[in-house]
Amino acid sequence: MNIPFLLEAVPTEQKTSFFKLVFAPSSLWIMIPLILMLLWVIYVFIERWLTLSDAAKDESNFMNNIKDQIHEGRFDSAIALCKGSDSPLARMIEKGISRIGKPLGDISTAIENTGQLEVQRLEKRLSSIATISGIAPMIGFLGTVTGMIKAFSDMAANPNNIQVSSLSEGIYMAMITTVGGLIVGIIAYVFYNVLVDKVSQLIHQLEARTTEFMDILNEPGK
């Protein structure tokens, strides 16, 4: 028995790598935007995380120094101390110190207005992550519909000679774009909520510190 001949006659299974599926020409027009969205989401998350972590650093020593400067009436030194600290809290306190001498209500309003500007800076680019978390699955679904249309179109064009290879290309496109869109959307959704929670914690911290500042101004003899 010619065993080598029999082995050659047995068809070998050809496996398609995940990399080839992702970068298949038929799905590339969907996968490239999804990959770019994923890279943008990762970039924004890292950049915002570092920015928020720096803004949330312990400011207890800063507030103690501000308190000492105000008690001693050295407002110019207090403002210089704020300018030397590049943080949202320092800019809010600086605005409050510059209003010392006016009614406390005016000082509080000035600090709140500055705080709103700082919150907008802290939330910079977060809306883009929220948008991607919503549109990425929709783009993936667009690829799904397009892939299925291609598969059925191939079936309709050759009803008596349906080729599995031609059908599989459309089905591959449909499935891989769906998975890609869901992965990007889930990652963006998780990253967005993590950053929103961190911003919320920072806002509470800023409110506590500004309340402490107002209490300093409201102390007897000040």
N, C-alpha and C. Protein backbone atom coordinates (compact mmCIF):
# COMPACT_ATOMS: atom_id res chain seq x y z
N MET A 1 0.87 -1.21 0.00
CA MET A 1 0.00 0.00 0.00
C MET A 1 0.89 1.24 0.00
N ASN A 2 0.54 2.15 -0.87
CA ASN A 2 1.34 3.36 -0.98
C ASN A 2 0.84 4.39 0.03
N ILE A 3 1.41 4.32 1.25
CA ILE A 3 0.96 5.20 2.34
C ILE A 3 1.25 6.66 2.05
N PRO A 4 2.44 7.04 1.56
CA PRO A 4 2.68 8.45 1.25
C PRO A 4 1.67 9.02 0.26
N PHE A 5 1.28 8.18 -0.72
CA PHE A 5 0.31 8.65 -1.70
C PHE A 5 -1.04 8.93 -1.05
N LEU A 6 -1.44 8.06 -0.09
CA LEU A 6 -2.72 8.26 0.60
C LEU A 6 -2.68 9.52 1.46
N LEU A 7 -1.53 9.77 2.09
CA LEU A 7 -1.43 10.96 2.94
C LEU A 7 -1.52 12.23 2.11
N GLU A 8 -0.94 12.19 0.92
CA GLU A 8 -1.02 13.36 0.07
C GLU A 8 -2.44 13.60 -0.43
N ALA A 9 -3.21 12.53 -0.55
CA ALA A 9 -4.57 12.65 -1.06
C ALA A 9 -5.53 13.25 -0.05
N VAL A 10 -5.17 13.14 1.27
CA VAL A 10 -6.05 13.67 2.31
C VAL A 10 -5.93 15.18 2.33
N PRO A 11 -7.03 15.92 2.21
CA PRO A 11 -6.97 17.37 2.19
C PRO A 11 -6.53 17.91 3.55
N THR A 12 -5.65 18.86 3.53
CA THR A 12 -5.16 19.46 4.78
C THR A 12 -6.04 20.64 5.15
N GLU A 13 -6.27 20.81 6.45
CA GLU A 13 -7.11 21.89 6.96
C GLU A 13 -6.32 23.19 6.99
N GLN A 14 -6.83 24.20 6.38
CA GLN A 14 -6.18 25.50 6.36
C GLN A 14 -6.85 26.40 7.39
N LYS A 15 -6.04 26.85 8.33
CA LYS A 15 -6.54 27.71 9.38
C LYS A 15 -6.25 29.17 9.04
N THR A 16 -7.22 30.00 9.28
CA THR A 16 -7.06 31.43 9.04
C THR A 16 -6.75 32.11 10.36
N SER A 17 -5.65 32.84 10.40
CA SER A 17 -5.23 33.51 11.63
C SER A 17 -6.16 34.67 11.94
N PHE A 18 -6.21 35.03 13.21
CA PHE A 18 -7.04 36.16 13.64
C PHE A 18 -6.54 37.45 13.00
N PHE A 19 -5.22 37.57 12.85
CA PHE A 19 -4.65 38.76 12.24
C PHE A 19 -5.14 38.92 10.80
N LYS A 20 -5.20 37.81 10.06
CA LYS A 20 -5.67 37.87 8.68
C LYS A 20 -7.15 38.23 8.61
N LEU A 21 -7.92 37.76 9.60
CA LEU A 21 -9.34 38.10 9.62
C LEU A 21 -9.56 39.59 9.88
N VAL A 22 -8.79 40.13 10.84
CA VAL A 22 -8.94 41.54 11.18
C VAL A 22 -8.57 42.44 10.01
N PHE A 23 -7.50 42.08 9.34
CA PHE A 23 -6.99 42.92 8.26
C PHE A 23 -7.33 42.37 6.87
N ALA A 24 -8.40 41.62 6.79
CA ALA A 24 -8.87 41.14 5.48
C ALA A 24 -9.31 42.33 4.64
N PRO A 25 -9.01 42.34 3.35
CA PRO A 25 -9.38 43.48 2.50
C PRO A 25 -10.86 43.82 2.55
N SER A 26 -11.70 42.81 2.69
CA SER A 26 -13.14 43.07 2.66
C SER A 26 -13.64 43.82 3.90
N SER A 27 -12.95 43.66 5.04
CA SER A 27 -13.39 44.31 6.28
C SER A 27 -12.47 45.45 6.72
N LEU A 28 -11.45 45.73 5.91
CA LEU A 28 -10.46 46.73 6.32
C LEU A 28 -11.07 48.11 6.46
N TRP A 29 -12.05 48.44 5.62
CA TRP A 29 -12.65 49.78 5.67
C TRP A 29 -13.45 50.00 6.94
N ILE A 30 -13.80 48.92 7.63
CA ILE A 30 -14.47 49.03 8.93
C ILE A 30 -13.46 48.92 10.07
N MET A 31 -12.51 48.03 9.95
CA MET A 31 -11.58 47.76 11.04
C MET A 31 -10.60 48.90 11.27
N ILE A 32 -10.17 49.58 10.20
CA ILE A 32 -9.23 50.70 10.39
C ILE A 32 -9.83 51.81 11.25
N PRO A 33 -11.07 52.29 10.98
CA PRO A 33 -11.66 53.29 11.88
C PRO A 33 -11.81 52.78 13.32
N LEU A 34 -12.15 51.50 13.49
CA LEU A 34 -12.28 50.96 14.84
C LEU A 34 -10.94 50.94 15.56
N ILE A 35 -9.89 50.57 14.85
CA ILE A 35 -8.55 50.56 15.46
C ILE A 35 -8.11 51.97 15.84
N LEU A 36 -8.37 52.93 14.97
CA LEU A 36 -8.02 54.32 15.27
C LEU A 36 -8.81 54.83 16.48
N MET A 37 -10.09 54.45 16.57
CA MET A 37 -10.89 54.83 17.73
C MET A 37 -10.32 54.23 19.01
N LEU A 38 -9.92 52.97 18.94
CA LEU A 38 -9.36 52.31 20.12
C LEU A 38 -8.07 53.00 20.56
N LEU A 39 -7.21 53.35 19.63
CA LEU A 39 -5.97 54.05 19.97
C LEU A 39 -6.25 55.41 20.61
N TRP A 40 -7.26 56.11 20.07
CA TRP A 40 -7.63 57.42 20.64
C TRP A 40 -8.17 57.26 22.06
N VAL A 41 -9.01 56.26 22.27
CA VAL A 41 -9.57 56.03 23.61
C VAL A 41 -8.46 55.72 24.61
N ILE A 42 -7.51 54.89 24.22
CA ILE A 42 -6.40 54.56 25.12
C ILE A 42 -5.56 55.80 25.43
N TYR A 43 -5.29 56.61 24.39
CA TYR A 43 -4.50 57.83 24.59
C TYR A 43 -5.20 58.79 25.56
N VAL A 44 -6.48 59.05 25.31
CA VAL A 44 -7.23 59.98 26.16
C VAL A 44 -7.30 59.46 27.59
N PHE A 45 -7.52 58.16 27.75
CA PHE A 45 -7.62 57.60 29.10
C PHE A 45 -6.32 57.80 29.86
N ILE A 46 -5.20 57.49 29.24
CA ILE A 46 -3.90 57.63 29.93
C ILE A 46 -3.62 59.11 30.23
N GLU A 47 -3.86 59.98 29.25
CA GLU A 47 -3.58 61.40 29.44
C GLU A 47 -4.46 62.00 30.53
N ARG A 48 -5.76 61.67 30.52
CA ARG A 48 -6.68 62.20 31.52
C ARG A 48 -6.40 61.60 32.90
N TRP A 49 -6.05 60.33 32.93
CA TRP A 49 -5.76 59.67 34.22
C TRP A 49 -4.57 60.35 34.90
N LEU A 50 -3.52 60.62 34.15
CA LEU A 50 -2.34 61.28 34.71
C LEU A 50 -2.68 62.70 35.15
N THR A 51 -3.47 63.41 34.33
CA THR A 51 -3.85 64.77 34.68
C THR A 51 -4.70 64.82 35.94
N LEU A 52 -5.68 63.93 36.03
CA LEU A 52 -6.56 63.90 37.19
C LEU A 52 -5.82 63.44 38.44
N SER A 53 -4.91 62.51 38.29
CA SER A 53 -4.13 62.04 39.44
C SER A 53 -3.25 63.16 39.98
N ASP A 54 -2.68 63.95 39.08
CA ASP A 54 -1.87 65.08 39.52
C ASP A 54 -2.71 66.14 40.20
N ALA A 55 -3.93 66.38 39.68
CA ALA A 55 -4.81 67.39 40.27
C ALA A 55 -5.36 66.94 41.62
N ALA A 56 -5.40 65.62 41.85
CA ALA A 56 -5.98 65.10 43.09
C ALA A 56 -4.94 64.88 44.19
N LYS A 57 -3.72 65.35 43.99
CA LYS A 57 -2.69 65.16 45.00
C LYS A 57 -3.05 65.90 46.28
N ASP A 58 -2.48 65.45 47.38
CA ASP A 58 -2.80 66.00 48.70
C ASP A 58 -2.39 67.47 48.77
N GLU A 59 -3.36 68.33 49.13
CA GLU A 59 -3.12 69.77 49.19
C GLU A 59 -3.19 70.29 50.63
N SER A 60 -3.03 69.41 51.60
CA SER A 60 -3.14 69.84 53.00
C SER A 60 -2.05 70.84 53.37
N ASN A 61 -0.82 70.59 52.94
CA ASN A 61 0.27 71.54 53.24
C ASN A 61 0.03 72.87 52.56
N PHE A 62 -0.49 72.81 51.33
CA PHE A 62 -0.78 74.05 50.60
C PHE A 62 -1.81 74.88 51.34
N MET A 63 -2.86 74.25 51.81
CA MET A 63 -3.91 74.98 52.53
C MET A 63 -3.40 75.53 53.85
N ASN A 64 -2.54 74.79 54.53
CA ASN A 64 -1.97 75.29 55.79
C ASN A 64 -1.12 76.53 55.54
N ASN A 65 -0.34 76.52 54.46
CA ASN A 65 0.47 77.69 54.13
C ASN A 65 -0.40 78.88 53.75
N ILE A 66 -1.47 78.63 53.01
CA ILE A 66 -2.40 79.71 52.65
C ILE A 66 -3.03 80.30 53.91
N LYS A 67 -3.40 79.44 54.82
CA LYS A 67 -4.02 79.89 56.08
C LYS A 67 -3.06 80.79 56.86
N ASP A 68 -1.79 80.37 56.92
CA ASP A 68 -0.81 81.18 57.65
C ASP A 68 -0.60 82.53 56.98
N GLN A 69 -0.52 82.55 55.66
CA GLN A 69 -0.31 83.80 54.95
C GLN A 69 -1.49 84.76 55.15
N ILE A 70 -2.70 84.23 55.12
CA ILE A 70 -3.88 85.08 55.28
C ILE A 70 -3.97 85.61 56.70
N HIS A 71 -3.67 84.77 57.68
CA HIS A 71 -3.71 85.21 59.07
C HIS A 71 -2.71 86.33 59.33
N GLU A 72 -1.60 86.29 58.60
CA GLU A 72 -0.58 87.31 58.77
C GLU A 72 -0.80 88.51 57.85
N GLY A 73 -1.87 88.44 57.06
CA GLY A 73 -2.20 89.56 56.17
C GLY A 73 -1.31 89.69 54.97
N ARG A 74 -0.57 88.67 54.65
CA ARG A 74 0.34 88.71 53.49
C ARG A 74 -0.36 88.11 52.27
N PHE A 75 -1.27 88.88 51.72
CA PHE A 75 -2.08 88.38 50.61
C PHE A 75 -1.25 88.22 49.33
N ASP A 76 -0.28 89.13 49.13
CA ASP A 76 0.57 89.01 47.94
C ASP A 76 1.38 87.72 47.97
N SER A 77 1.86 87.37 49.16
CA SER A 77 2.61 86.11 49.29
C SER A 77 1.70 84.91 49.05
N ALA A 78 0.46 85.02 49.51
CA ALA A 78 -0.50 83.92 49.30
C ALA A 78 -0.79 83.74 47.81
N ILE A 79 -0.95 84.87 47.10
CA ILE A 79 -1.19 84.78 45.66
C ILE A 79 0.02 84.20 44.94
N ALA A 80 1.21 84.61 45.37
CA ALA A 80 2.43 84.06 44.77
C ALA A 80 2.53 82.56 45.02
N LEU A 81 2.09 82.13 46.20
CA LEU A 81 2.09 80.70 46.52
C LEU A 81 1.13 79.95 45.61
N CYS A 82 -0.01 80.55 45.32
CA CYS A 82 -0.99 79.93 44.41
C CYS A 82 -0.44 79.84 42.99
N LYS A 83 0.22 80.91 42.55
CA LYS A 83 0.78 80.90 41.20
C LYS A 83 1.88 79.85 41.05
N GLY A 84 2.55 79.56 42.15
CA GLY A 84 3.61 78.57 42.10
C GLY A 84 3.12 77.14 42.12
N SER A 85 1.83 76.95 42.39
CA SER A 85 1.24 75.61 42.40
C SER A 85 0.26 75.48 41.24
N ASP A 86 0.66 74.73 40.24
CA ASP A 86 -0.17 74.58 39.03
C ASP A 86 -1.22 73.50 39.27
N SER A 87 -2.32 73.88 39.91
CA SER A 87 -3.39 72.93 40.21
C SER A 87 -4.72 73.66 40.17
N PRO A 88 -5.81 72.94 39.94
CA PRO A 88 -7.14 73.59 39.94
C PRO A 88 -7.45 74.29 41.26
N LEU A 89 -7.09 73.65 42.37
CA LEU A 89 -7.37 74.25 43.68
C LEU A 89 -6.61 75.56 43.83
N ALA A 90 -5.36 75.60 43.42
CA ALA A 90 -4.56 76.82 43.57
C ALA A 90 -5.16 77.96 42.77
N ARG A 91 -5.65 77.68 41.57
CA ARG A 91 -6.25 78.74 40.76
C ARG A 91 -7.56 79.22 41.36
N MET A 92 -8.31 78.33 41.98
CA MET A 92 -9.56 78.73 42.63
C MET A 92 -9.28 79.57 43.87
N ILE A 93 -8.30 79.15 44.66
CA ILE A 93 -7.96 79.90 45.87
C ILE A 93 -7.38 81.27 45.50
N GLU A 94 -6.57 81.30 44.43
CA GLU A 94 -6.00 82.57 43.98
C GLU A 94 -7.10 83.56 43.62
N LYS A 95 -8.13 83.07 42.95
CA LYS A 95 -9.26 83.95 42.60
C LYS A 95 -9.95 84.46 43.86
N GLY A 96 -10.08 83.59 44.86
CA GLY A 96 -10.71 84.01 46.11
C GLY A 96 -9.87 85.03 46.85
N ILE A 97 -8.56 84.85 46.89
CA ILE A 97 -7.69 85.80 47.59
C ILE A 97 -7.72 87.17 46.90
N SER A 98 -7.78 87.15 45.57
CA SER A 98 -7.81 88.42 44.85
C SER A 98 -9.10 89.20 45.11
N ARG A 99 -10.12 88.54 45.66
CA ARG A 99 -11.38 89.21 45.96
C ARG A 99 -11.52 89.55 47.45
N ILE A 100 -10.49 89.31 48.24
CA ILE A 100 -10.56 89.60 49.68
C ILE A 100 -10.79 91.10 49.87
N GLY A 101 -11.72 91.42 50.74
CA GLY A 101 -12.12 92.80 50.96
C GLY A 101 -13.53 93.06 50.47
N LYS A 102 -13.99 92.17 49.59
CA LYS A 102 -15.36 92.26 49.10
C LYS A 102 -16.24 91.34 49.94
N PRO A 103 -17.56 91.43 49.81
CA PRO A 103 -18.45 90.54 50.57
C PRO A 103 -18.13 89.07 50.30
N LEU A 104 -18.35 88.24 51.34
CA LEU A 104 -18.04 86.82 51.21
C LEU A 104 -18.83 86.16 50.09
N GLY A 105 -20.04 86.67 49.85
CA GLY A 105 -20.85 86.11 48.76
C GLY A 105 -20.18 86.32 47.40
N ASP A 106 -19.58 87.50 47.22
CA ASP A 106 -18.88 87.77 45.96
C ASP A 106 -17.65 86.88 45.82
N ILE A 107 -16.95 86.68 46.93
CA ILE A 107 -15.77 85.82 46.90
C ILE A 107 -16.17 84.38 46.55
N SER A 108 -17.25 83.91 47.17
CA SER A 108 -17.72 82.54 46.91
C SER A 108 -18.14 82.38 45.45
N THR A 109 -18.81 83.39 44.91
CA THR A 109 -19.24 83.33 43.52
C THR A 109 -18.05 83.29 42.57
N ALA A 110 -17.03 84.08 42.87
CA ALA A 110 -15.83 84.11 42.03
C ALA A 110 -15.14 82.75 42.04
N ILE A 111 -15.08 82.14 43.22
CA ILE A 111 -14.45 80.82 43.32
C ILE A 111 -15.26 79.78 42.56
N GLU A 112 -16.59 79.84 42.67
CA GLU A 112 -17.45 78.89 41.96
C GLU A 112 -17.30 79.02 40.45
N ASN A 113 -17.23 80.26 39.96
CA ASN A 113 -17.06 80.46 38.52
C ASN A 113 -15.73 79.90 38.02
N THR A 114 -14.69 80.14 38.81
CA THR A 114 -13.39 79.58 38.45
C THR A 114 -13.42 78.06 38.52
N GLY A 115 -14.15 77.54 39.51
CA GLY A 115 -14.26 76.09 39.65
C GLY A 115 -14.96 75.45 38.46
N GLN A 116 -15.96 76.12 37.91
CA GLN A 116 -16.65 75.60 36.72
C GLN A 116 -15.70 75.52 35.53
N LEU A 117 -14.84 76.52 35.39
CA LEU A 117 -13.86 76.49 34.30
C LEU A 117 -12.86 75.34 34.50
N GLU A 118 -12.47 75.13 35.76
CA GLU A 118 -11.52 74.06 36.05
C GLU A 118 -12.15 72.68 35.78
N VAL A 119 -13.41 72.53 36.11
CA VAL A 119 -14.09 71.26 35.86
C VAL A 119 -14.16 70.98 34.36
N GLN A 120 -14.41 72.03 33.56
CA GLN A 120 -14.43 71.86 32.11
C GLN A 120 -13.06 71.40 31.60
N ARG A 121 -12.00 71.92 32.20
CA ARG A 121 -10.66 71.49 31.80
C ARG A 121 -10.42 70.04 32.20
N LEU A 122 -10.91 69.66 33.37
CA LEU A 122 -10.73 68.28 33.84
C LEU A 122 -11.49 67.29 32.97
N GLU A 123 -12.63 67.72 32.45
CA GLU A 123 -13.47 66.83 31.63
C GLU A 123 -13.11 66.91 30.14
N LYS A 124 -12.01 67.54 29.82
CA LYS A 124 -11.59 67.69 28.44
C LYS A 124 -11.43 66.32 27.75
N ARG A 125 -12.01 66.19 26.58
CA ARG A 125 -11.95 65.00 25.72
C ARG A 125 -12.79 63.82 26.24
N LEU A 126 -13.41 63.93 27.40
CA LEU A 126 -14.22 62.81 27.89
C LEU A 126 -15.42 62.57 26.98
N SER A 127 -15.95 63.63 26.41
CA SER A 127 -17.12 63.46 25.53
C SER A 127 -16.77 62.62 24.31
N SER A 128 -15.52 62.70 23.85
CA SER A 128 -15.13 61.91 22.68
C SER A 128 -15.14 60.42 23.01
N ILE A 129 -14.74 60.06 24.24
CA ILE A 129 -14.78 58.65 24.64
C ILE A 129 -16.23 58.18 24.73
N ALA A 130 -17.09 59.02 25.28
CA ALA A 130 -18.51 58.66 25.37
C ALA A 130 -19.11 58.46 23.98
N THR A 131 -18.73 59.32 23.04
CA THR A 131 -19.22 59.19 21.67
C THR A 131 -18.75 57.89 21.04
N ILE A 132 -17.48 57.56 21.22
CA ILE A 132 -16.94 56.34 20.64
C ILE A 132 -17.60 55.10 21.24
N SER A 133 -17.89 55.15 22.54
CA SER A 133 -18.54 54.00 23.17
C SER A 133 -19.91 53.73 22.55
N GLY A 134 -20.53 54.77 21.98
CA GLY A 134 -21.84 54.59 21.36
C GLY A 134 -21.77 54.23 19.88
N ILE A 135 -20.83 54.84 19.16
CA ILE A 135 -20.82 54.64 17.71
C ILE A 135 -19.98 53.44 17.28
N ALA A 136 -19.03 53.00 18.10
CA ALA A 136 -18.19 51.86 17.70
C ALA A 136 -19.02 50.59 17.44
N PRO A 137 -19.94 50.21 18.34
CA PRO A 137 -20.77 49.03 18.04
C PRO A 137 -21.63 49.24 16.79
N MET A 138 -22.08 50.48 16.56
CA MET A 138 -22.90 50.74 15.38
C MET A 138 -22.08 50.58 14.10
N ILE A 139 -20.82 51.03 14.13
CA ILE A 139 -19.95 50.85 12.97
C ILE A 139 -19.68 49.37 12.74
N GLY A 140 -19.46 48.62 13.82
CA GLY A 140 -19.30 47.18 13.69
C GLY A 140 -20.53 46.51 13.11
N PHE A 141 -21.70 46.97 13.54
CA PHE A 141 -22.94 46.41 13.00
C PHE A 141 -23.11 46.76 11.53
N LEU A 142 -22.62 47.94 11.13
CA LEU A 142 -22.64 48.30 9.71
C LEU A 142 -21.84 47.30 8.90
N GLY A 143 -20.66 46.92 9.43
CA GLY A 143 -19.87 45.90 8.75
C GLY A 143 -20.57 44.56 8.71
N THR A 144 -21.32 44.24 9.77
CA THR A 144 -22.09 42.99 9.80
C THR A 144 -23.13 42.95 8.70
N VAL A 145 -23.89 44.02 8.59
CA VAL A 145 -24.93 44.08 7.56
C VAL A 145 -24.31 44.02 6.17
N THR A 146 -23.21 44.76 5.97
CA THR A 146 -22.54 44.76 4.67
C THR A 146 -22.01 43.37 4.32
N GLY A 147 -21.44 42.69 5.32
CA GLY A 147 -20.92 41.34 5.07
C GLY A 147 -22.02 40.36 4.71
N MET A 148 -23.15 40.43 5.41
CA MET A 148 -24.26 39.53 5.10
C MET A 148 -24.85 39.83 3.73
N ILE A 149 -24.90 41.11 3.37
CA ILE A 149 -25.39 41.47 2.03
C ILE A 149 -24.48 40.86 0.97
N LYS A 150 -23.17 40.93 1.23
CA LYS A 150 -22.23 40.35 0.27
C LYS A 150 -22.42 38.84 0.16
N ALA A 151 -22.60 38.17 1.29
CA ALA A 151 -22.78 36.72 1.28
C ALA A 151 -24.04 36.33 0.51
N PHE A 152 -25.16 37.00 0.78
CA PHE A 152 -26.40 36.68 0.07
C PHE A 152 -26.34 37.08 -1.39
N SER A 153 -25.58 38.14 -1.68
CA SER A 153 -25.42 38.54 -3.08
C SER A 153 -24.67 37.47 -3.86
N ASP A 154 -23.63 36.89 -3.24
CA ASP A 154 -22.90 35.81 -3.89
C ASP A 154 -23.79 34.58 -4.10
N MET A 155 -24.64 34.32 -3.12
CA MET A 155 -25.56 33.19 -3.26
C MET A 155 -26.54 33.43 -4.40
N ALA A 156 -27.05 34.65 -4.51
CA ALA A 156 -28.03 34.96 -5.55
C ALA A 156 -27.38 34.95 -6.93
N ALA A 157 -26.11 35.33 -7.02
CA ALA A 157 -25.43 35.39 -8.31
C ALA A 157 -25.14 34.00 -8.86
N ASN A 158 -24.91 33.04 -7.96
CA ASN A 158 -24.62 31.66 -8.39
C ASN A 158 -25.49 30.68 -7.61
N PRO A 159 -26.77 30.64 -7.85
CA PRO A 159 -27.67 29.79 -7.05
C PRO A 159 -27.41 28.30 -7.25
N ASN A 160 -26.88 27.92 -8.42
CA ASN A 160 -26.66 26.50 -8.70
C ASN A 160 -25.23 26.06 -8.43
N ASN A 161 -24.38 27.01 -8.11
CA ASN A 161 -22.97 26.68 -7.87
C ASN A 161 -22.45 27.53 -6.72
N ILE A 162 -23.00 27.30 -5.55
CA ILE A 162 -22.63 28.09 -4.38
C ILE A 162 -21.27 27.64 -3.87
N GLN A 163 -20.34 28.58 -3.79
CA GLN A 163 -19.00 28.30 -3.30
C GLN A 163 -18.90 28.68 -1.82
N VAL A 164 -18.46 27.73 -1.01
CA VAL A 164 -18.33 28.00 0.43
C VAL A 164 -17.32 29.10 0.69
N SER A 165 -16.25 29.12 -0.11
CA SER A 165 -15.21 30.13 0.10
C SER A 165 -15.74 31.54 -0.10
N SER A 166 -16.59 31.73 -1.10
CA SER A 166 -17.15 33.06 -1.35
C SER A 166 -18.12 33.46 -0.26
N LEU A 167 -18.88 32.52 0.26
CA LEU A 167 -19.81 32.83 1.35
C LEU A 167 -19.07 33.13 2.64
N SER A 168 -18.00 32.37 2.88
CA SER A 168 -17.27 32.55 4.14
C SER A 168 -16.65 33.92 4.24
N GLU A 169 -16.25 34.50 3.12
CA GLU A 169 -15.64 35.83 3.15
C GLU A 169 -16.62 36.87 3.69
N GLY A 170 -17.86 36.82 3.22
CA GLY A 170 -18.86 37.76 3.71
C GLY A 170 -19.23 37.50 5.16
N ILE A 171 -19.31 36.23 5.54
CA ILE A 171 -19.64 35.90 6.93
C ILE A 171 -18.51 36.29 7.86
N TYR A 172 -17.27 36.05 7.44
CA TYR A 172 -16.11 36.48 8.23
C TYR A 172 -16.18 37.99 8.48
N MET A 173 -16.45 38.72 7.40
CA MET A 173 -16.53 40.18 7.51
C MET A 173 -17.62 40.59 8.49
N ALA A 174 -18.75 39.91 8.42
CA ALA A 174 -19.86 40.24 9.31
C ALA A 174 -19.51 40.00 10.77
N MET A 175 -18.89 38.87 11.06
CA MET A 175 -18.60 38.51 12.45
C MET A 175 -17.46 39.33 13.04
N ILE A 176 -16.37 39.50 12.27
CA ILE A 176 -15.19 40.16 12.81
C ILE A 176 -15.45 41.64 13.07
N THR A 177 -16.25 42.28 12.23
CA THR A 177 -16.56 43.69 12.47
C THR A 177 -17.48 43.86 13.67
N THR A 178 -18.37 42.90 13.87
CA THR A 178 -19.23 42.95 15.06
C THR A 178 -18.41 42.84 16.32
N VAL A 179 -17.50 41.87 16.35
CA VAL A 179 -16.63 41.69 17.52
C VAL A 179 -15.77 42.93 17.74
N GLY A 180 -15.19 43.45 16.65
CA GLY A 180 -14.35 44.64 16.78
C GLY A 180 -15.10 45.83 17.34
N GLY A 181 -16.29 46.08 16.83
CA GLY A 181 -17.09 47.20 17.31
C GLY A 181 -17.47 47.05 18.77
N LEU A 182 -17.84 45.83 19.17
CA LEU A 182 -18.21 45.60 20.57
C LEU A 182 -17.01 45.77 21.50
N ILE A 183 -15.85 45.28 21.09
CA ILE A 183 -14.65 45.41 21.93
C ILE A 183 -14.30 46.88 22.15
N VAL A 184 -14.28 47.65 21.07
CA VAL A 184 -13.95 49.07 21.19
C VAL A 184 -15.01 49.79 22.03
N GLY A 185 -16.28 49.48 21.80
CA GLY A 185 -17.35 50.13 22.55
C GLY A 185 -17.30 49.82 24.03
N ILE A 186 -17.02 48.57 24.38
CA ILE A 186 -16.96 48.18 25.79
C ILE A 186 -15.78 48.86 26.48
N ILE A 187 -14.62 48.85 25.83
CA ILE A 187 -13.44 49.49 26.42
C ILE A 187 -13.68 50.98 26.62
N ALA A 188 -14.25 51.64 25.62
CA ALA A 188 -14.53 53.07 25.73
C ALA A 188 -15.53 53.35 26.84
N TYR A 189 -16.55 52.50 26.96
CA TYR A 189 -17.57 52.69 27.99
C TYR A 189 -16.97 52.56 29.39
N VAL A 190 -16.13 51.55 29.59
CA VAL A 190 -15.49 51.35 30.89
C VAL A 190 -14.55 52.50 31.22
N PHE A 191 -13.71 52.89 30.26
CA PHE A 191 -12.76 53.98 30.48
C PHE A 191 -13.49 55.28 30.80
N TYR A 192 -14.58 55.54 30.09
CA TYR A 192 -15.33 56.77 30.32
C TYR A 192 -15.87 56.82 31.75
N ASN A 193 -16.46 55.73 32.19
CA ASN A 193 -17.04 55.73 33.54
C ASN A 193 -15.96 55.81 34.62
N VAL A 194 -14.81 55.21 34.38
CA VAL A 194 -13.71 55.31 35.34
C VAL A 194 -13.26 56.76 35.47
N LEU A 195 -13.12 57.45 34.34
CA LEU A 195 -12.68 58.84 34.38
C LEU A 195 -13.74 59.76 34.97
N VAL A 196 -15.00 59.51 34.66
CA VAL A 196 -16.08 60.32 35.23
C VAL A 196 -16.11 60.18 36.74
N ASP A 197 -15.92 58.97 37.23
CA ASP A 197 -15.88 58.75 38.67
C ASP A 197 -14.71 59.48 39.31
N LYS A 198 -13.57 59.47 38.63
CA LYS A 198 -12.39 60.17 39.17
C LYS A 198 -12.60 61.68 39.19
N VAL A 199 -13.24 62.20 38.14
CA VAL A 199 -13.56 63.63 38.11
C VAL A 199 -14.52 63.98 39.24
N SER A 200 -15.51 63.13 39.46
CA SER A 200 -16.48 63.37 40.53
C SER A 200 -15.80 63.42 41.90
N GLN A 201 -14.89 62.51 42.14
CA GLN A 201 -14.15 62.51 43.41
C GLN A 201 -13.33 63.78 43.56
N LEU A 202 -12.72 64.21 42.46
CA LEU A 202 -11.90 65.42 42.51
C LEU A 202 -12.75 66.66 42.77
N ILE A 203 -13.95 66.70 42.19
CA ILE A 203 -14.84 67.84 42.42
C ILE A 203 -15.22 67.93 43.89
N HIS A 204 -15.53 66.79 44.50
CA HIS A 204 -15.85 66.79 45.95
C HIS A 204 -14.65 67.26 46.76
N GLN A 205 -13.46 66.88 46.35
CA GLN A 205 -12.25 67.31 47.06
C GLN A 205 -12.06 68.82 46.95
N LEU A 206 -12.29 69.36 45.74
CA LEU A 206 -12.16 70.80 45.55
C LEU A 206 -13.21 71.57 46.35
N GLU A 207 -14.42 71.03 46.40
CA GLU A 207 -15.47 71.69 47.18
C GLU A 207 -15.11 71.72 48.66
N ALA A 208 -14.53 70.64 49.16
CA ALA A 208 -14.13 70.59 50.57
C ALA A 208 -13.04 71.61 50.86
N ARG A 209 -12.06 71.74 49.96
CA ARG A 209 -10.96 72.68 50.17
C ARG A 209 -11.43 74.12 50.06
N THR A 210 -12.31 74.41 49.12
CA THR A 210 -12.81 75.78 48.99
C THR A 210 -13.70 76.16 50.17
N THR A 211 -14.42 75.20 50.70
CA THR A 211 -15.19 75.45 51.92
C THR A 211 -14.26 75.77 53.09
N GLU A 212 -13.15 75.04 53.15
CA GLU A 212 -12.14 75.31 54.18
C GLU A 212 -11.58 76.72 54.02
N PHE A 213 -11.37 77.14 52.78
CA PHE A 213 -10.87 78.49 52.53
C PHE A 213 -11.87 79.54 52.97
N MET A 214 -13.15 79.32 52.67
CA MET A 214 -14.17 80.27 53.09
C MET A 214 -14.28 80.33 54.61
N ASP A 215 -14.08 79.21 55.26
CA ASP A 215 -14.09 79.20 56.73
C ASP A 215 -12.93 80.03 57.29
N ILE A 216 -11.78 79.98 56.60
CA ILE A 216 -10.63 80.80 57.03
C ILE A 216 -10.98 82.27 56.96
N LEU A 217 -11.61 82.67 55.86
CA LEU A 217 -12.00 84.07 55.69
C LEU A 217 -13.09 84.48 56.67
N ASN A 218 -13.89 83.52 57.10
CA ASN A 218 -15.02 83.81 57.96
C ASN A 218 -14.66 83.77 59.45
N GLU A 219 -13.39 83.49 59.74
CA GLU A 219 -12.98 83.44 61.14
C GLU A 219 -13.02 84.84 61.73
N PRO A 220 -13.30 84.94 63.04
CA PRO A 220 -13.38 86.26 63.69
C PRO A 220 -12.09 87.04 63.49
N GLY A 221 -12.25 88.31 63.18
CA GLY A 221 -11.10 89.19 63.02
C GLY A 221 -10.54 89.18 61.62
N LYS A 222 -11.13 88.39 60.70
CA LYS A 222 -10.64 88.33 59.33
C LYS A 222 -11.56 89.14 58.41
